Amino acid sequence: MNRLPQIKKFIFEDLPLFHNAEFKSKPGASPVLLLLNSKGETVKSFDLTKYDREGCNQLLMAQGFYKKATEEEEVPEEYQQGPYEPKQEL
């Protein structure tokens, strides 16, 4: 992860602001964003090495994830549950 400082900043500084998103470390593996359905099955995956920090943020928002301004912010009702509707394809 140290060779990808922009991705590392996204994971540790930005990802906590996204509702219903979490980071799971897999030592030695490239960072991959997995979108899961309500059963925990992967429905889409994205190789994050192709993105910078802003690109990762845009990717999650394009997939319909809500990003809070602060960790304490309340999440609007329409974003409380998944699945999310993608807003656009990247």
Protein backbone atom coordinates (compact mmCIF):
# COMPACT_ATOMS: atom_id res chain seq x y z
CA MET A 1 0.00 0.00 0.00
CA ASN A 2 2.97 2.32 0.59
CA ARG A 3 3.65 2.38 -3.15
CA LEU A 4 0.16 3.85 -3.69
CA PRO A 5 0.02 6.90 -1.40
CA GLN A 6 -3.10 8.37 -3.05
CA ILE A 7 -5.04 5.10 -2.59
CA LYS A 8 -3.79 4.82 0.99
CA LYS A 9 -5.08 8.34 1.76
CA PHE A 10 -8.43 7.47 0.16
CA ILE A 11 -8.77 4.29 2.23
CA PHE A 12 -7.82 5.80 5.58
CA GLU A 13 -9.12 9.37 5.24
CA ASP A 14 -12.00 9.33 2.74
CA LEU A 15 -13.53 5.86 2.87
CA PRO A 16 -14.69 6.28 6.51
CA LEU A 17 -16.93 9.11 5.29
CA PHE A 18 -18.84 6.81 2.91
CA HIS A 19 -21.97 5.20 4.34
CA ASN A 20 -22.10 1.39 4.14
CA ALA A 21 -18.50 1.11 2.91
CA GLU A 22 -15.68 -0.57 4.77
CA PHE A 23 -12.04 -1.47 4.24
CA LYS A 24 -10.76 -5.01 4.66
CA SER A 25 -7.04 -5.54 4.41
CA LYS A 26 -5.66 -8.40 2.36
CA PRO A 27 -1.85 -8.40 2.77
CA GLY A 28 0.04 -8.50 -0.51
CA ALA A 29 -3.05 -7.99 -2.67
CA SER A 30 -3.67 -4.99 -4.92
CA PRO A 31 -6.44 -2.69 -3.66
CA VAL A 32 -9.77 -3.70 -5.20
CA LEU A 33 -13.20 -2.18 -4.59
CA LEU A 34 -15.84 -4.89 -4.34
CA LEU A 35 -19.53 -4.02 -4.54
CA LEU A 36 -21.61 -6.62 -2.73
CA ASN A 37 -25.31 -7.39 -2.82
CA SER A 38 -27.40 -7.96 0.31
CA LYS A 39 -26.23 -11.61 0.39
CA GLY A 40 -22.57 -10.59 0.45
CA GLU A 41 -21.97 -11.71 -3.14
CA THR A 42 -19.71 -9.64 -5.39
CA VAL A 43 -21.65 -7.92 -8.16
CA LYS A 44 -18.88 -5.60 -9.43
CA SER A 45 -15.20 -5.08 -8.80
CA PHE A 46 -12.86 -2.21 -9.61
CA ASP A 47 -9.05 -2.21 -9.58
CA LEU A 48 -8.22 0.90 -7.53
CA THR A 49 -4.64 1.07 -8.82
CA LYS A 50 -6.12 2.73 -11.94
CA TYR A 51 -7.40 5.69 -9.88
CA ASP A 52 -6.00 8.53 -7.83
CA ARG A 53 -7.59 9.70 -4.57
CA GLU A 54 -10.18 11.92 -6.27
CA GLY A 55 -10.94 9.21 -8.81
CA CYS A 56 -11.69 6.73 -6.01
CA ASN A 57 -14.06 9.24 -4.41
CA GLN A 58 -15.81 9.84 -7.73
CA LEU A 59 -16.05 6.10 -8.34
CA LEU A 60 -17.92 5.47 -5.09
CA MET A 61 -20.23 8.45 -5.62
CA ALA A 62 -20.92 7.32 -9.19
CA GLN A 63 -21.95 3.94 -7.77
CA GLY A 64 -24.49 5.71 -5.55
CA PHE A 65 -22.66 5.75 -2.22
CA TYR A 66 -23.35 8.67 0.09
CA LYS A 67 -20.31 10.60 1.30
CA LYS A 68 -20.73 12.49 4.56
CA ALA A 69 -18.95 15.79 5.13
CA THR A 70 -17.90 14.57 8.62
CA GLU A 71 -18.07 11.19 10.34
CA GLU A 72 -20.69 12.61 12.73
CA GLU A 73 -23.08 13.72 9.95
CA GLU A 74 -26.45 11.99 9.79
CA VAL A 75 -27.10 9.95 6.64
CA PRO A 76 -30.30 10.89 4.74
CA GLU A 77 -33.09 8.30 4.83
CA GLU A 78 -32.78 7.44 1.11
CA TYR A 79 -29.17 6.33 1.66
CA GLN A 80 -29.72 4.25 4.82
CA GLN A 81 -30.05 0.93 2.98
CA GLY A 82 -28.47 -0.61 -0.14
CA PRO A 83 -28.44 -1.60 -2.87
CA TYR A 84 -27.44 1.64 -4.43
CA GLU A 85 -28.32 2.75 -7.91
CA PRO A 86 -25.27 3.76 -9.94
CA LYS A 87 -25.50 7.36 -11.11
CA GLN A 88 -23.29 6.89 -14.16
CA GLU A 89 -20.69 4.56 -15.63
CA LEU A 90 -17.06 5.66 -15.39
